[in-house]
Amino acid sequence: MEQRDDAREAGVPPGYPKNRAEALTDGIFAFAMTLLVLSLDVPEGLRDPSDAAIAATLVGQVPALFHYFLAFFILASFWIAHHAQVDRLRQIDRTFLWINIAALMFVALVPFSVSLVGDYPGGTFAVVTFEANLLVIGLLFAAQWGYAAHNRRLVRPGTDIRRGNQRVLVVPAVSAIAILLALAGWTWSTAIYAVIPLVMRALPPGR
């Protein structure tokens, strides 16, 4: 209520408390990141229970482990970016909430797409499904920021809109490149996501 009263006094339309949206977002990210571990299968009933056989089996899990760590890192990066994005807002409204909910729907889908690409690491369709999942999340978070920043609709005074626009487009751009590489036949197209920290570091930090 206090936030809505402040909004009325400032002459802007009343919004919704940010803490409820942040709580929902934190919960879904935590749930999705925890479920990622289910994409790793522990083999049962090995005919040869020797250390060599177990080691060979674990080596066969390398693609699944790679995509587990990759997805966990990307979801963590999305969560950090979402936290920074919401911190720059003075309030949120119904449209912002629905865009956020749409993004969270695809966040919850990440464990499934990781399991798919882990089970079929050489399959183009499986890899593209995983990368498309990340692309949609990135686009929705970019749309969320674009909506909030348009005419400074929801952002705090002094927020650097241009830098914010640059940062939210990094993951969608990398995802689009990854999809093109996968369609071109590059098996390890998901490795392109490793450039995200480098790109983010090269961009000037926004306020």
Protein backbone atom coordinates (compact mmCIF):
# COMPACT_ATOMS: atom_id res chain seq x y z
CA MET A 1 0.00 0.00 0.00
CA GLU A 2 2.82 2.39 0.84
CA GLN A 3 4.32 1.94 -2.62
CA ARG A 4 0.96 2.67 -4.28
CA ASP A 5 0.51 5.81 -2.16
CA ASP A 6 4.00 7.01 -3.15
CA ALA A 7 3.13 6.42 -6.79
CA ARG A 8 -0.04 8.50 -6.51
CA GLU A 9 1.88 11.32 -4.84
CA ALA A 10 4.46 11.22 -7.63
CA GLY A 11 1.71 11.53 -10.24
CA VAL A 12 2.21 8.07 -11.79
CA PRO A 13 -0.35 5.26 -12.05
CA PRO A 14 -0.45 2.98 -9.00
CA GLY A 15 1.50 -0.25 -9.39
CA TYR A 16 2.04 -3.52 -7.57
CA PRO A 17 4.53 -4.34 -4.80
CA LYS A 18 7.79 -5.59 -6.29
CA ASN A 19 8.51 -7.99 -3.43
CA ARG A 20 5.69 -10.38 -4.43
CA ALA A 21 7.00 -10.67 -8.00
CA GLU A 22 10.55 -11.11 -6.74
CA ALA A 23 9.44 -13.86 -4.33
CA LEU A 24 7.68 -15.77 -7.13
CA THR A 25 10.67 -15.33 -9.43
CA ASP A 26 13.14 -16.50 -6.77
CA GLY A 27 11.02 -19.58 -6.05
CA ILE A 28 10.70 -20.66 -9.69
CA PHE A 29 14.38 -20.09 -10.42
CA ALA A 30 15.36 -22.09 -7.31
CA PHE A 31 12.98 -24.90 -8.29
CA ALA A 32 14.20 -25.02 -11.91
CA MET A 33 17.88 -24.93 -10.90
CA THR A 34 17.30 -27.77 -8.42
CA LEU A 35 15.43 -29.90 -10.97
CA LEU A 36 18.37 -29.66 -13.37
CA VAL A 37 20.18 -32.38 -11.44
CA LEU A 38 17.45 -34.84 -12.49
CA SER A 39 18.85 -34.63 -16.02
CA LEU A 40 21.81 -36.69 -14.75
CA ASP A 41 21.08 -40.42 -14.70
CA VAL A 42 22.95 -42.79 -12.40
CA PRO A 43 23.38 -46.05 -14.36
CA GLU A 44 22.11 -49.14 -12.61
CA GLY A 45 22.80 -52.81 -13.06
CA LEU A 46 26.27 -52.61 -14.58
CA ARG A 47 27.45 -56.07 -15.60
CA ASP A 48 30.98 -55.06 -14.80
CA PRO A 49 31.06 -53.09 -11.52
CA SER A 50 34.80 -52.44 -11.75
CA ASP A 51 36.24 -48.96 -11.32
CA ALA A 52 37.16 -48.89 -15.02
CA ALA A 53 33.59 -49.66 -16.06
CA ILE A 54 32.18 -47.03 -13.71
CA ALA A 55 34.71 -44.46 -14.99
CA ALA A 56 33.77 -45.28 -18.58
CA THR A 57 30.10 -44.83 -17.73
CA LEU A 58 30.81 -41.45 -16.16
CA VAL A 59 32.72 -40.40 -19.27
CA GLY A 60 29.56 -41.18 -21.20
CA GLN A 61 27.77 -38.68 -18.95
CA VAL A 62 30.07 -35.81 -19.98
CA PRO A 63 27.56 -34.23 -22.43
CA ALA A 64 24.82 -34.36 -19.80
CA LEU A 65 27.17 -32.89 -17.16
CA PHE A 66 28.24 -30.15 -19.55
CA HIS A 67 24.66 -29.10 -20.25
CA TYR A 68 23.79 -29.31 -16.56
CA PHE A 69 26.55 -26.88 -15.60
CA LEU A 70 25.79 -24.70 -18.62
CA ALA A 71 22.08 -24.47 -17.83
CA PHE A 72 22.72 -23.87 -14.12
CA PHE A 73 25.12 -21.04 -14.95
CA ILE A 74 22.73 -19.48 -17.48
CA LEU A 75 19.77 -19.65 -15.10
CA ALA A 76 21.91 -18.08 -12.38
CA SER A 77 22.87 -15.32 -14.83
CA PHE A 78 19.19 -14.77 -15.71
CA TRP A 79 18.33 -14.57 -12.01
CA ILE A 80 21.09 -12.02 -11.34
CA ALA A 81 20.02 -9.97 -14.38
CA HIS A 82 16.38 -10.08 -13.27
CA HIS A 83 17.37 -8.92 -9.79
CA ALA A 84 19.36 -6.02 -11.23
CA GLN A 85 16.51 -5.17 -13.61
CA VAL A 86 13.83 -5.05 -10.92
CA ASP A 87 16.15 -3.05 -8.65
CA ARG A 88 16.11 -0.28 -11.27
CA LEU A 89 12.30 -0.06 -11.22
CA ARG A 90 10.33 2.26 -9.00
CA GLN A 91 7.22 0.08 -9.37
CA ILE A 92 5.69 -2.62 -11.55
CA ASP A 93 2.28 -2.95 -13.18
CA ARG A 94 -0.02 -5.68 -14.48
CA THR A 95 1.55 -5.85 -17.96
CA PHE A 96 5.03 -6.15 -16.49
CA LEU A 97 3.80 -8.97 -14.24
CA TRP A 98 2.33 -10.95 -17.13
CA ILE A 99 5.52 -10.64 -19.18
CA ASN A 100 7.44 -11.81 -16.12
CA ILE A 101 5.09 -14.77 -15.65
CA ALA A 102 5.50 -15.75 -19.32
CA ALA A 103 9.29 -15.70 -18.91
CA LEU A 104 9.07 -17.81 -15.75
CA MET A 105 6.98 -20.40 -17.62
CA PHE A 106 9.93 -21.00 -19.93
CA VAL A 107 12.39 -20.88 -17.03
CA ALA A 108 10.49 -23.82 -15.50
CA LEU A 109 10.83 -25.62 -18.86
CA VAL A 110 14.65 -25.52 -18.82
CA PRO A 111 15.09 -28.81 -16.86
CA PHE A 112 13.09 -30.60 -19.57
CA SER A 113 15.11 -29.12 -22.44
CA VAL A 114 18.35 -29.93 -20.59
CA SER A 115 17.24 -33.55 -20.13
CA LEU A 116 16.38 -33.72 -23.83
CA VAL A 117 19.75 -32.45 -25.00
CA GLY A 118 21.51 -34.60 -22.41
CA ASP A 119 19.81 -37.75 -23.68
CA TYR A 120 20.34 -36.85 -27.35
CA PRO A 121 23.51 -34.69 -27.41
CA GLY A 122 24.12 -35.42 -31.08
CA GLY A 123 20.58 -34.65 -32.16
CA THR A 124 20.12 -31.30 -33.86
CA PHE A 125 16.47 -31.02 -32.85
CA ALA A 126 17.27 -31.64 -29.17
CA VAL A 127 20.05 -29.05 -29.14
CA VAL A 128 17.94 -26.47 -30.97
CA THR A 129 15.09 -27.07 -28.51
CA PHE A 130 17.41 -26.26 -25.60
CA GLU A 131 18.81 -23.17 -27.32
CA ALA A 132 15.34 -22.01 -28.39
CA ASN A 133 14.21 -22.34 -24.76
CA LEU A 134 16.99 -19.97 -23.69
CA LEU A 135 16.25 -17.67 -26.64
CA VAL A 136 12.61 -17.28 -25.61
CA ILE A 137 13.58 -16.57 -21.99
CA GLY A 138 16.07 -13.95 -23.14
CA LEU A 139 13.56 -12.32 -25.48
CA LEU A 140 10.88 -12.18 -22.80
CA PHE A 141 13.22 -10.61 -20.26
CA ALA A 142 14.31 -8.15 -22.96
CA ALA A 143 10.64 -7.37 -23.67
CA GLN A 144 10.05 -6.92 -19.97
CA TRP A 145 12.87 -4.39 -19.75
CA GLY A 146 11.76 -2.69 -22.96
CA TYR A 147 8.25 -2.27 -21.60
CA ALA A 148 9.50 -0.90 -18.28
CA ALA A 149 12.01 1.46 -19.90
CA HIS A 150 9.76 2.78 -22.68
CA ASN A 151 9.30 6.48 -21.98
CA ARG A 152 10.75 5.62 -18.54
CA ARG A 153 7.39 4.07 -17.71
CA LEU A 154 8.52 2.14 -14.63
CA VAL A 155 12.24 2.81 -14.17
CA ARG A 156 13.81 4.94 -11.49
CA PRO A 157 15.03 8.45 -12.41
CA GLY A 158 18.63 8.44 -13.64
CA THR A 159 18.56 4.86 -14.95
CA ASP A 160 20.79 4.38 -18.01
CA ILE A 161 18.29 2.97 -20.53
CA ARG A 162 20.77 2.49 -23.37
CA ARG A 163 23.14 0.33 -21.37
CA GLY A 164 20.24 -1.70 -20.06
CA ASN A 165 19.06 -2.29 -23.63
CA GLN A 166 22.53 -3.57 -24.61
CA ARG A 167 22.77 -6.03 -21.73
CA VAL A 168 19.33 -7.63 -22.15
CA LEU A 169 20.05 -8.45 -25.80
CA VAL A 170 23.23 -10.46 -25.12
CA VAL A 171 21.57 -13.82 -24.36
CA PRO A 172 19.04 -13.60 -27.23
CA ALA A 173 21.86 -12.77 -29.66
CA VAL A 174 24.06 -15.62 -28.43
CA SER A 175 21.10 -18.03 -28.54
CA ALA A 176 20.29 -17.06 -32.12
CA ILE A 177 23.93 -17.68 -33.12
CA ALA A 178 23.90 -21.02 -31.29
CA ILE A 179 20.76 -22.13 -33.15
CA LEU A 180 22.31 -21.20 -36.51
CA LEU A 181 25.48 -23.13 -35.62
CA ALA A 182 23.42 -26.17 -34.60
CA LEU A 183 21.45 -26.07 -37.86
CA ALA A 184 24.75 -25.81 -39.72
CA GLY A 185 25.83 -29.08 -38.13
CA TRP A 186 28.15 -27.90 -35.36
CA THR A 187 27.68 -30.53 -32.61
CA TRP A 188 28.91 -28.38 -29.72
CA SER A 189 26.98 -25.26 -30.66
CA THR A 190 25.96 -24.74 -27.01
CA ALA A 191 29.61 -23.98 -26.19
CA ILE A 192 29.03 -20.51 -27.68
CA TYR A 193 27.27 -19.58 -24.43
CA ALA A 194 30.72 -19.45 -22.81
CA VAL A 195 31.23 -16.05 -24.44
CA ILE A 196 28.41 -14.47 -22.41
CA PRO A 197 30.62 -13.49 -19.42
CA LEU A 198 33.16 -11.98 -21.81
CA VAL A 199 30.52 -9.94 -23.62
CA MET A 200 28.94 -8.80 -20.35
CA ARG A 201 32.33 -7.81 -19.01
CA ALA A 202 33.06 -5.80 -22.16
CA LEU A 203 29.82 -3.85 -21.83
CA PRO A 204 29.91 -0.82 -19.55
CA PRO A 205 27.95 -1.40 -16.33
CA GLY A 206 24.60 0.34 -16.22
CA ARG A 207 23.24 2.24 -13.29
